[in-house]
Amino acid sequence: MSAVLATAALLAPGTAVASPGAAPAGGAAAYPARNHAPAAPADLRTTDPDARCAADGSPVAVRGLTPVLHATLTDPDGDAVTATFTLRDGASGKRLWGAVTSAAQVSGADHAVRVPEGLLQDGRTYEWRVQAKDAKGRKSATVRCRIAVDATAPAAPEVSAVAGAAAVYVEDGTAGGIGVAGDLRFEAAAASGTVAFLYEDLQTRTRLELPAGETGLTYRYVPTVAGPQWVRLTAVDAAGNVSAERFYRFTVDSPSRDARWLLDERSGAVAADLTGTRPFALSASTTWTGGVLADLANRPTDGALLFDEPGDSATTAQAAVDAAGSYSVLAFVRLDETGTARTAVSQDSARGAAFELGTRTDGCPEGTAECWAFTVPGADADAAPAVAVSAVPVTAGSWVMLAGLRDAGAGTVQLNVCDLGSASAPGEGDTVRGTAVPAPTSASAAGPFRLGAALADGAHARTWAGAVSALRTYDGVLGTPQQFMACMSGS
């Protein structure tokens, strides 16, 4: 007793003595921190296909019969946690599997278990539940996820051509052309549960989502090549089941050749069109010379027109292309004098030229003073023309094939150039595709087809200085393979 009294005597006046069970003088911080229960499981999801559980409790479609169930578990104290999974029948609530407990993992880890075989059945709905528990035995709230098993693939969809577009690409038929748009209708089978189509053609592979409440959609098809084409289409349901394939064949028409001039006469005042409809009449000063094949392939009979005086030209009596539509102009040309803008091929219009194929000294690729160009004015006289240029160098004395393409459907113009070179410096012979540039709407032009110059204010402008060996026109956009073959033939 004396020892206790002695200790008490040492306390300062007014100092409280801690009684058993009272808070220590250091305050609440001197007690161990209170342990909390884990947070409710989050990010619930299933596999086959990978899908997150719906927040509103609606069933998530599952196509596999042994999906993996996932949940992310966290603990506010940072303790390791385990997950307890159970599976119940969606209609009766009867427990079918579990409780299955995952291994303990650090807070924030993903926990997953796979449903064993033999439990799930196609067409049935189920509910799985998950609860977290920390090392001290505290448990979270139980979180639920409903799944609907759908292991049946939808029926194959239907494909049909839609009337009303520029082209109607009917099955096993021939229509349209490069750049000529057509509409295809994709329709899912009734009550198939289709939510999207998997689409594939020669140029495209994509997934097309069905609008909510719709069973079909219309797809705008714009071909970039001519010849036989195909479309593969499958239907996909919400569970990711894929239908059998619908294979749809058709042919994209090749543009017909309107005219072709070989320019092999080597004499006279007329250059014949092989179709017999649009011969060129030569001006009095225009002369003949050897063509691209005479220079590069030792074929002395190959001819060309030489333009070496300001008055040189060759014109047809009527237009060769529909300037308001899609067309292609291919010309083998040789430029002998560089340094100024020149036109080898053009077609007259009421305001000047409906198009010009030649060279420019403005708007060329960076670092280039002169470039090959395809210039197409619009119907609006005040609007700037569309100008497609090429990065293929302009070299005096070298032959090239110029391919000017106007795609009315896409609203673009493009210039492709095949560099053939000269006898002393042969070119690669490859067709170099230029960039398609937006083009304004063009007006029809019924004026003559012209070689050696463009028409401006009723007079010759941008006169050519060199030769034109052969040329062709088409009533549509010519494909790259056809352009390559034309370049290799040299005519």
Protein backbone atom coordinates (compact mmCIF):
# COMPACT_ATOMS: atom_id res chain seq x y z
CA MET A 1 0.00 0.00 0.00
CA SER A 2 2.84 2.37 0.82
CA ALA A 3 4.34 1.86 -2.65
CA VAL A 4 1.05 2.81 -4.26
CA LEU A 5 0.73 5.87 -2.11
CA ALA A 6 4.27 6.93 -2.88
CA THR A 7 3.59 6.77 -6.58
CA ALA A 8 0.40 8.77 -6.21
CA ALA A 9 2.27 11.42 -4.25
CA LEU A 10 4.53 12.08 -7.23
CA LEU A 11 1.61 13.14 -9.48
CA ALA A 12 1.11 16.82 -10.05
CA PRO A 13 -2.06 18.29 -8.56
CA GLY A 14 -5.10 17.84 -10.76
CA THR A 15 -3.63 14.96 -12.80
CA ALA A 16 -6.15 12.17 -13.48
CA VAL A 17 -5.23 8.62 -12.77
CA ALA A 18 -6.13 6.17 -15.53
CA SER A 19 -8.53 3.53 -14.41
CA PRO A 20 -8.52 0.00 -15.84
CA GLY A 21 -10.18 -0.05 -19.30
CA ALA A 22 -10.04 3.71 -19.84
CA ALA A 23 -8.41 5.35 -22.90
CA PRO A 24 -4.68 5.78 -22.47
CA ALA A 25 -3.24 9.26 -22.08
CA GLY A 26 -1.97 9.12 -25.66
CA GLY A 27 -5.54 9.26 -27.07
CA ALA A 28 -7.27 7.01 -29.67
CA ALA A 29 -4.10 6.71 -31.74
CA ALA A 30 -2.61 4.56 -29.05
CA TYR A 31 -5.20 1.83 -29.76
CA PRO A 32 -4.81 -0.61 -32.68
CA ALA A 33 -6.80 0.59 -35.82
CA ARG A 34 -10.27 -0.90 -36.22
CA ASN A 35 -10.47 -3.60 -38.94
CA HIS A 36 -13.04 -3.04 -41.72
CA ALA A 37 -14.94 -5.50 -43.85
CA PRO A 38 -13.88 -5.84 -47.50
CA ALA A 39 -15.64 -3.68 -50.10
CA ALA A 40 -18.38 -5.25 -52.18
CA PRO A 41 -16.92 -7.14 -55.17
CA ALA A 42 -16.68 -4.96 -58.30
CA ASP A 43 -16.12 -5.31 -62.05
CA LEU A 44 -18.10 -8.55 -62.29
CA ARG A 45 -17.72 -10.09 -65.73
CA THR A 46 -17.88 -13.36 -67.64
CA THR A 47 -16.02 -14.89 -70.53
CA ASP A 48 -17.14 -16.51 -73.77
CA PRO A 49 -17.67 -13.78 -74.75
CA ASP A 50 -15.94 -11.29 -72.47
CA ALA A 51 -18.74 -9.14 -71.06
CA ARG A 52 -19.37 -7.10 -67.93
CA CYS A 53 -22.40 -7.88 -65.80
CA ALA A 54 -25.29 -5.47 -66.23
CA ALA A 55 -25.81 -2.92 -63.48
CA ASP A 56 -29.59 -3.19 -63.85
CA GLY A 57 -29.56 -6.95 -63.25
CA SER A 58 -30.50 -7.93 -66.81
CA PRO A 59 -28.91 -11.18 -68.02
CA VAL A 60 -25.59 -11.12 -69.87
CA ALA A 61 -25.46 -13.40 -72.91
CA VAL A 62 -22.99 -16.30 -72.65
CA ARG A 63 -22.39 -18.76 -75.48
CA GLY A 64 -20.05 -21.15 -73.68
CA LEU A 65 -21.20 -23.81 -71.22
CA THR A 66 -18.13 -23.44 -68.98
CA PRO A 67 -17.58 -19.66 -68.70
CA VAL A 68 -15.07 -18.09 -66.34
CA LEU A 69 -16.54 -15.81 -63.67
CA HIS A 70 -14.47 -12.78 -62.66
CA ALA A 71 -14.65 -10.22 -59.84
CA THR A 72 -12.23 -7.63 -58.45
CA LEU A 73 -11.91 -7.61 -54.64
CA THR A 74 -10.54 -4.79 -52.49
CA ASP A 75 -10.10 -4.34 -48.76
CA PRO A 76 -9.96 -0.86 -47.13
CA ASP A 77 -7.31 -2.11 -44.71
CA GLY A 78 -5.17 -3.55 -47.49
CA ASP A 79 -5.67 -7.09 -46.23
CA ALA A 80 -5.53 -10.12 -48.48
CA VAL A 81 -9.00 -11.36 -49.46
CA THR A 82 -10.66 -14.49 -50.80
CA ALA A 83 -13.75 -14.74 -53.00
CA THR A 84 -16.62 -17.15 -52.48
CA PHE A 85 -18.60 -17.99 -55.64
CA THR A 86 -21.97 -19.75 -55.92
CA LEU A 87 -24.17 -20.53 -58.92
CA ARG A 88 -27.97 -20.75 -58.83
CA ASP A 89 -30.75 -21.56 -61.26
CA GLY A 90 -32.17 -18.31 -62.61
CA ALA A 91 -35.81 -19.43 -62.40
CA SER A 92 -36.00 -21.38 -59.13
CA GLY A 93 -33.04 -19.88 -57.25
CA LYS A 94 -31.81 -23.39 -56.40
CA ARG A 95 -28.10 -23.59 -55.70
CA LEU A 96 -26.36 -25.64 -58.41
CA TRP A 97 -22.70 -25.16 -57.54
CA GLY A 98 -20.54 -23.81 -54.74
CA ALA A 99 -19.67 -22.33 -52.45
CA VAL A 100 -16.22 -22.28 -54.12
CA THR A 101 -13.53 -20.16 -52.50
CA SER A 102 -10.62 -18.70 -54.45
CA ALA A 103 -7.11 -18.43 -53.10
CA ALA A 104 -6.28 -15.36 -51.00
CA GLN A 105 -4.86 -12.48 -53.03
CA VAL A 106 -3.75 -8.93 -52.34
CA SER A 107 -6.35 -6.18 -52.30
CA GLY A 108 -7.33 -5.07 -55.80
CA ALA A 109 -6.64 -8.43 -57.49
CA ASP A 110 -8.93 -10.20 -59.94
CA HIS A 111 -10.47 -13.47 -58.72
CA ALA A 112 -11.76 -16.01 -61.20
CA VAL A 113 -13.31 -19.47 -61.25
CA ARG A 114 -14.53 -21.59 -64.16
CA VAL A 115 -18.00 -23.15 -64.10
CA PRO A 116 -17.58 -26.93 -64.45
CA GLU A 117 -19.12 -28.91 -67.30
CA GLY A 118 -22.62 -30.30 -67.02
CA LEU A 119 -24.21 -27.45 -65.07
CA LEU A 120 -25.27 -24.93 -67.71
CA GLN A 121 -27.80 -25.68 -70.45
CA ASP A 122 -28.51 -23.80 -73.67
CA GLY A 123 -31.52 -21.50 -73.40
CA ARG A 124 -31.51 -21.28 -69.58
CA THR A 125 -30.85 -18.33 -67.29
CA TYR A 126 -28.61 -18.49 -64.20
CA GLU A 127 -27.38 -16.26 -61.40
CA TRP A 128 -23.92 -16.33 -59.89
CA ARG A 129 -22.95 -14.61 -56.66
CA VAL A 130 -19.66 -13.56 -55.14
CA GLN A 131 -18.66 -12.39 -51.67
CA ALA A 132 -15.28 -11.22 -50.35
CA LYS A 133 -13.73 -12.24 -47.00
CA ASP A 134 -10.55 -10.88 -45.40
CA ALA A 135 -8.01 -12.71 -43.24
CA LYS A 136 -9.83 -11.71 -40.04
CA GLY A 137 -13.06 -13.29 -41.22
CA ARG A 138 -14.93 -10.10 -42.07
CA LYS A 139 -17.21 -10.43 -45.12
CA SER A 140 -18.44 -8.02 -47.76
CA ALA A 141 -21.92 -7.68 -49.15
CA THR A 142 -22.86 -10.34 -51.72
CA VAL A 143 -23.02 -9.15 -55.33
CA ARG A 144 -25.02 -10.93 -58.04
CA CYS A 145 -24.79 -11.34 -61.81
CA ARG A 146 -27.34 -12.93 -64.12
CA ILE A 147 -26.32 -14.81 -67.26
CA ALA A 148 -28.37 -16.23 -70.15
CA VAL A 149 -26.82 -19.16 -71.99
CA ASP A 150 -27.16 -18.94 -75.77
CA ALA A 151 -25.09 -21.58 -77.57
CA THR A 152 -27.18 -21.60 -80.76
CA ALA A 153 -25.85 -19.68 -83.77
CA PRO A 154 -28.27 -17.45 -85.69
CA ALA A 155 -29.41 -18.40 -89.17
CA ALA A 156 -27.42 -17.06 -92.12
CA PRO A 157 -28.41 -13.54 -93.21
CA GLU A 158 -29.72 -12.52 -96.62
CA VAL A 159 -28.05 -10.17 -99.11
CA SER A 160 -29.85 -8.34 -101.91
CA ALA A 161 -29.24 -5.41 -104.25
CA VAL A 162 -31.25 -2.24 -103.70
CA ALA A 163 -32.65 -0.26 -106.62
CA GLY A 164 -32.18 3.48 -106.78
CA ALA A 165 -28.41 3.92 -106.47
CA ALA A 166 -26.08 4.65 -109.38
CA ALA A 167 -25.51 0.90 -109.84
CA VAL A 168 -27.56 -2.15 -108.88
CA TYR A 169 -25.16 -5.02 -108.14
CA VAL A 170 -27.55 -7.97 -108.43
CA GLU A 171 -26.29 -11.43 -107.58
CA ASP A 172 -24.47 -13.11 -110.50
CA GLY A 173 -25.03 -9.96 -112.59
CA THR A 174 -22.76 -7.32 -114.12
CA ALA A 175 -23.24 -3.63 -113.38
CA GLY A 176 -21.65 -0.35 -112.39
CA GLY A 177 -17.96 0.29 -112.53
CA ILE A 178 -15.03 1.48 -110.46
CA GLY A 179 -16.28 4.22 -108.13
CA VAL A 180 -19.93 3.67 -109.09
CA ALA A 181 -21.83 3.22 -105.82
CA GLY A 182 -24.47 0.59 -105.23
CA ASP A 183 -26.55 -0.30 -102.17
CA LEU A 184 -26.69 -3.80 -100.69
CA ARG A 185 -29.35 -4.79 -98.17
CA PHE A 186 -28.36 -7.12 -95.33
CA GLU A 187 -31.26 -8.76 -93.49
CA ALA A 188 -31.10 -11.05 -90.44
CA ALA A 189 -33.37 -14.06 -90.08
CA ALA A 190 -36.45 -13.46 -87.96
CA ALA A 191 -36.05 -14.03 -84.20
CA SER A 192 -32.38 -14.86 -84.65
CA GLY A 193 -31.15 -12.42 -82.01
CA THR A 194 -28.70 -10.89 -84.49
CA VAL A 195 -26.99 -7.76 -83.19
CA ALA A 196 -24.34 -7.25 -85.90
CA PHE A 197 -23.05 -8.48 -89.25
CA LEU A 198 -19.47 -9.46 -90.05
CA TYR A 199 -18.82 -8.10 -93.55
CA GLU A 200 -15.98 -8.86 -95.94
CA ASP A 201 -15.23 -8.08 -99.59
CA LEU A 202 -12.05 -7.75 -101.64
CA GLN A 203 -11.23 -4.38 -100.09
CA THR A 204 -12.96 -4.31 -96.69
CA ARG A 205 -13.43 -6.35 -93.54
CA THR A 206 -15.58 -4.83 -90.81
CA ARG A 207 -18.28 -5.35 -88.21
CA LEU A 208 -21.59 -3.61 -88.89
CA GLU A 209 -23.72 -3.02 -85.81
CA LEU A 210 -27.49 -3.35 -86.24
CA PRO A 211 -29.47 -0.30 -85.12
CA ALA A 212 -31.58 -0.98 -82.03
CA GLY A 213 -34.87 -2.60 -82.92
CA GLU A 214 -33.86 -3.25 -86.54
CA THR A 215 -33.31 -6.59 -88.28
CA GLY A 216 -31.37 -5.26 -91.26
CA LEU A 217 -29.35 -2.41 -92.69
CA THR A 218 -28.31 -0.96 -96.05
CA TYR A 219 -24.61 -0.89 -96.95
CA ARG A 220 -23.16 1.47 -99.56
CA TYR A 221 -20.74 -0.50 -101.76
CA VAL A 222 -18.24 1.50 -103.83
CA PRO A 223 -15.92 -0.74 -105.89
CA THR A 224 -12.29 0.19 -106.38
CA VAL A 225 -11.55 -2.54 -108.93
CA ALA A 226 -13.46 -3.99 -111.85
CA GLY A 227 -14.23 -7.63 -112.59
CA PRO A 228 -15.62 -10.49 -110.48
CA GLN A 229 -16.42 -9.47 -106.89
CA TRP A 230 -17.82 -11.18 -103.82
CA VAL A 231 -19.29 -10.37 -100.43
CA ARG A 232 -19.11 -12.65 -97.39
CA LEU A 233 -21.66 -11.92 -94.68
CA THR A 234 -22.34 -13.63 -91.35
CA ALA A 235 -24.73 -12.75 -88.53
CA VAL A 236 -23.58 -12.39 -84.90
CA ASP A 237 -25.84 -12.56 -81.84
CA ALA A 238 -25.37 -10.98 -78.41
CA ALA A 239 -23.54 -14.06 -77.13
CA GLY A 240 -21.05 -13.89 -80.00
CA ASN A 241 -22.38 -16.89 -81.92
CA VAL A 242 -21.65 -16.58 -85.64
CA SER A 243 -23.98 -17.84 -88.35
CA ALA A 244 -23.17 -19.78 -91.46
CA GLU A 245 -21.76 -17.66 -94.27
CA ARG A 246 -23.81 -15.98 -96.99
CA PHE A 247 -21.62 -15.73 -100.11
CA TYR A 248 -22.81 -13.20 -102.71
CA ARG A 249 -21.15 -12.90 -106.15
CA PHE A 250 -21.44 -10.23 -108.81
CA THR A 251 -19.28 -8.48 -111.41
CA VAL A 252 -18.24 -4.84 -111.50
CA ASP A 253 -18.27 -3.77 -115.11
CA SER A 254 -15.06 -2.57 -116.71
CA PRO A 255 -15.27 0.82 -118.37
CA SER A 256 -15.68 0.49 -122.11
CA ARG A 257 -13.04 2.06 -124.31
CA ASP A 258 -14.62 4.98 -126.11
CA ALA A 259 -11.73 5.62 -128.45
CA ARG A 260 -8.15 4.62 -129.15
CA TRP A 261 -5.57 6.37 -131.29
CA LEU A 262 -2.27 4.61 -132.08
CA LEU A 263 -0.93 7.56 -134.12
CA ASP A 264 1.03 5.17 -136.33
CA GLU A 265 0.18 6.78 -139.67
CA ARG A 266 3.57 8.53 -139.80
CA SER A 267 2.24 10.84 -142.55
CA GLY A 268 -0.86 12.71 -143.65
CA ALA A 269 -3.24 15.22 -142.06
CA VAL A 270 -5.48 12.73 -140.23
CA ALA A 271 -4.87 10.36 -137.30
CA ALA A 272 -7.45 7.58 -137.16
CA ASP A 273 -9.47 6.46 -134.18
CA LEU A 274 -9.51 2.65 -134.13
CA THR A 275 -13.23 2.80 -133.28
CA GLY A 276 -13.76 4.87 -136.42
CA THR A 277 -15.70 7.64 -134.70
CA ARG A 278 -13.30 10.43 -133.69
CA PRO A 279 -10.33 10.93 -136.04
CA PHE A 280 -7.87 13.72 -135.27
CA ALA A 281 -7.42 16.48 -137.84
CA LEU A 282 -3.86 17.85 -137.72
CA SER A 283 -2.98 21.52 -138.07
CA ALA A 284 -0.82 22.36 -141.06
CA SER A 285 2.37 22.71 -138.99
CA THR A 286 1.98 19.47 -137.02
CA THR A 287 4.42 16.75 -138.07
CA TRP A 288 5.03 13.07 -137.38
CA THR A 289 7.87 11.37 -135.49
CA GLY A 290 8.78 8.03 -133.93
CA GLY A 291 6.67 6.84 -131.00
CA VAL A 292 7.45 5.35 -127.60
CA LEU A 293 7.92 1.83 -129.02
CA ALA A 294 10.17 3.13 -131.79
CA ASP A 295 12.41 4.76 -129.17
CA LEU A 296 12.33 2.05 -126.48
CA ALA A 297 11.39 -1.24 -128.18
CA ASN A 298 13.04 -1.03 -131.61
CA ARG A 299 9.69 -0.91 -133.39
CA PRO A 300 10.23 1.64 -136.17
CA THR A 301 6.60 1.51 -137.34
CA ASP A 302 5.37 3.01 -134.07
CA GLY A 303 4.50 6.64 -134.64
CA ALA A 304 3.72 9.81 -132.73
CA LEU A 305 2.68 13.39 -133.35
CA LEU A 306 5.38 16.02 -132.81
CA PHE A 307 4.42 19.37 -131.34
CA ASP A 308 7.33 21.77 -131.71
CA GLU A 309 5.69 24.98 -132.97
CA PRO A 310 3.12 27.23 -131.23
CA GLY A 311 0.43 26.49 -133.84
CA ASP A 312 0.75 22.71 -133.68
CA SER A 313 -2.40 20.84 -132.65
CA ALA A 314 -4.69 17.94 -133.45
CA THR A 315 -8.44 18.03 -132.78
CA THR A 316 -11.47 15.79 -133.16
CA ALA A 317 -14.83 17.03 -134.39
CA GLN A 318 -16.58 16.13 -131.14
CA ALA A 319 -15.95 15.38 -127.48
CA ALA A 320 -14.24 12.16 -126.46
CA VAL A 321 -15.35 12.02 -122.80
CA ASP A 322 -18.40 13.08 -120.82
CA ALA A 323 -16.82 15.79 -118.69
CA ALA A 324 -19.69 15.65 -116.18
CA GLY A 325 -19.34 11.90 -115.60
CA SER A 326 -16.61 9.42 -114.76
CA TYR A 327 -13.90 8.94 -117.34
CA SER A 328 -10.26 7.94 -117.88
CA VAL A 329 -7.72 9.37 -120.32
CA LEU A 330 -4.46 7.48 -120.96
CA ALA A 331 -1.75 9.14 -123.04
CA PHE A 332 1.88 8.28 -123.86
CA VAL A 333 3.75 11.58 -123.96
CA ARG A 334 7.30 12.89 -124.17
CA LEU A 335 8.16 16.40 -122.99
CA ASP A 336 11.23 17.89 -124.69
CA GLU A 337 11.29 21.33 -123.04
CA THR A 338 10.72 21.78 -119.31
CA GLY A 339 10.34 24.88 -117.17
CA THR A 340 6.81 26.06 -117.97
CA ALA A 341 3.27 24.71 -117.65
CA ARG A 342 2.21 22.75 -120.72
CA THR A 343 -0.80 20.69 -121.86
CA ALA A 344 -0.51 17.52 -123.94
CA VAL A 345 -4.20 16.46 -123.97
CA SER A 346 -7.36 18.45 -123.29
CA GLN A 347 -11.02 18.75 -124.22
CA ASP A 348 -12.64 22.05 -125.11
CA SER A 349 -15.56 23.48 -123.16
CA ALA A 350 -17.60 26.65 -123.38
CA ARG A 351 -15.23 28.36 -120.92
CA GLY A 352 -11.93 26.88 -122.08
CA ALA A 353 -10.77 23.37 -121.21
CA ALA A 354 -12.94 20.73 -119.53
CA PHE A 355 -9.70 19.03 -118.41
CA GLU A 356 -5.97 19.32 -119.04
CA LEU A 357 -3.38 16.56 -118.89
CA GLY A 358 0.21 17.83 -118.84
CA THR A 359 2.53 19.70 -116.48
CA ARG A 360 2.29 22.54 -113.98
CA THR A 361 4.79 24.72 -112.16
CA ASP A 362 2.53 25.49 -109.19
CA GLY A 363 0.94 23.24 -106.59
CA CYS A 364 3.60 20.58 -107.10
CA PRO A 365 4.91 18.22 -104.39
CA GLU A 366 7.26 19.94 -101.95
CA GLY A 367 10.70 20.54 -103.38
CA THR A 368 9.49 20.08 -106.97
CA ALA A 369 9.50 23.00 -109.42
CA GLU A 370 7.52 21.21 -112.14
CA CYS A 371 5.21 18.22 -111.99
CA TRP A 372 2.81 16.10 -114.00
CA ALA A 373 -0.74 17.29 -113.45
CA PHE A 374 -4.38 16.52 -114.25
CA THR A 375 -6.43 19.70 -113.98
CA VAL A 376 -10.24 19.60 -113.93
CA PRO A 377 -12.28 22.84 -113.59
CA GLY A 378 -15.71 22.77 -112.01
CA ALA A 379 -19.08 23.92 -113.27
CA ASP A 380 -18.73 27.08 -111.15
CA ALA A 381 -16.49 29.46 -113.08
CA ASP A 382 -15.39 31.18 -109.85
CA ALA A 383 -14.35 27.98 -108.08
CA ALA A 384 -10.75 26.79 -108.14
CA PRO A 385 -10.15 23.74 -110.36
CA ALA A 386 -9.23 20.35 -108.93
CA VAL A 387 -5.57 19.57 -109.55
CA ALA A 388 -4.14 16.06 -109.14
CA VAL A 389 -0.35 15.92 -109.33
CA SER A 390 2.30 13.21 -109.39
CA ALA A 391 5.63 12.87 -107.65
CA VAL A 392 7.14 11.14 -110.72
CA PRO A 393 9.87 13.55 -111.94
CA VAL A 394 9.37 15.56 -115.12
CA THR A 395 12.44 14.82 -117.24
CA ALA A 396 13.05 16.24 -120.68
CA GLY A 397 13.26 13.55 -123.38
CA SER A 398 11.62 10.81 -121.27
CA TRP A 399 8.41 8.96 -122.11
CA VAL A 400 5.64 8.55 -119.55
CA MET A 401 2.10 7.27 -119.63
CA LEU A 402 -0.29 9.72 -117.98
CA ALA A 403 -3.57 8.30 -116.64
CA GLY A 404 -6.05 11.01 -115.69
CA LEU A 405 -9.05 9.58 -113.81
CA ARG A 406 -12.23 11.42 -112.87
CA ASP A 407 -14.51 9.53 -110.47
CA ALA A 408 -17.86 11.33 -110.49
CA GLY A 409 -19.34 9.01 -107.87
CA ALA A 410 -16.56 9.64 -105.34
CA GLY A 411 -16.17 13.26 -106.41
CA THR A 412 -12.41 12.96 -106.99
CA VAL A 413 -9.74 13.25 -109.66
CA GLN A 414 -6.47 11.34 -109.69
CA LEU A 415 -3.32 11.19 -111.78
CA ASN A 416 -1.28 8.00 -112.12
CA VAL A 417 2.02 8.04 -114.00
CA CYS A 418 4.02 5.19 -115.55
CA ASP A 419 7.64 6.24 -116.10
CA LEU A 420 9.09 4.56 -119.21
CA GLY A 421 12.17 6.75 -119.52
CA SER A 422 14.35 7.04 -122.61
CA ALA A 423 16.66 4.76 -124.60
CA SER A 424 19.65 6.03 -122.63
CA ALA A 425 17.88 6.08 -119.26
CA PRO A 426 15.03 3.52 -119.12
CA GLY A 427 12.38 4.03 -116.45
CA GLU A 428 11.00 1.59 -113.90
CA GLY A 429 7.84 0.91 -115.91
CA ASP A 430 5.71 0.92 -112.76
CA THR A 431 2.42 2.79 -112.53
CA VAL A 432 2.79 5.21 -109.62
CA ARG A 433 -0.60 6.02 -108.11
CA GLY A 434 -1.18 9.62 -107.23
CA THR A 435 -3.43 10.90 -104.47
CA ALA A 436 -7.11 11.28 -105.28
CA VAL A 437 -8.18 14.86 -104.57
CA PRO A 438 -11.70 16.25 -104.13
CA ALA A 439 -13.16 17.60 -107.34
CA PRO A 440 -16.06 19.99 -107.93
CA THR A 441 -19.05 19.04 -110.05
CA SER A 442 -18.11 19.47 -113.69
CA ALA A 443 -20.32 20.72 -116.48
CA SER A 444 -20.84 18.76 -119.67
CA ALA A 445 -18.46 19.78 -122.45
CA ALA A 446 -19.23 19.04 -126.08
CA GLY A 447 -16.11 20.64 -127.49
CA PRO A 448 -13.37 18.89 -129.47
CA PHE A 449 -10.74 16.59 -127.99
CA ARG A 450 -7.40 18.34 -128.42
CA LEU A 451 -3.70 17.39 -128.53
CA GLY A 452 -0.80 19.79 -128.16
CA ALA A 453 -2.49 22.61 -126.25
CA ALA A 454 -5.43 23.78 -124.18
CA LEU A 455 -8.05 26.27 -125.27
CA ALA A 456 -8.18 29.53 -123.30
CA ASP A 457 -10.08 32.64 -124.38
CA GLY A 458 -10.49 31.14 -127.84
CA ALA A 459 -6.77 30.63 -128.42
CA HIS A 460 -4.11 27.98 -127.83
CA ALA A 461 -2.54 28.07 -124.37
CA ARG A 462 0.13 26.06 -122.55
CA THR A 463 1.30 24.52 -125.83
CA TRP A 464 3.05 21.17 -125.68
CA ALA A 465 6.73 20.87 -126.61
CA GLY A 466 7.33 17.22 -127.42
CA ALA A 467 5.48 14.18 -128.73
CA VAL A 468 2.25 12.25 -128.11
CA SER A 469 2.57 8.59 -129.12
CA ALA A 470 -0.78 6.93 -128.38
CA LEU A 471 -3.84 7.51 -126.25
CA ARG A 472 -7.12 5.97 -125.13
CA THR A 473 -10.30 7.21 -123.46
CA TYR A 474 -12.78 5.26 -121.31
CA ASP A 475 -16.29 5.99 -120.09
CA GLY A 476 -15.46 5.15 -116.47
CA VAL A 477 -12.60 4.82 -114.00
CA LEU A 478 -10.01 2.36 -115.26
CA GLY A 479 -8.54 -0.04 -112.70
CA THR A 480 -4.85 -0.09 -111.79
CA PRO A 481 -4.21 -3.53 -113.38
CA GLN A 482 -5.60 -2.29 -116.69
CA GLN A 483 -3.45 0.82 -116.47
CA PHE A 484 -0.36 -1.31 -115.83
CA MET A 485 -1.14 -3.53 -118.81
CA ALA A 486 -1.63 -0.48 -121.03
CA CYS A 487 1.71 0.92 -119.93
CA MET A 488 3.50 -2.34 -120.63
CA SER A 489 1.98 -2.52 -124.11
CA GLY A 490 3.15 1.01 -124.92
CA SER A 491 -0.03 1.84 -126.80
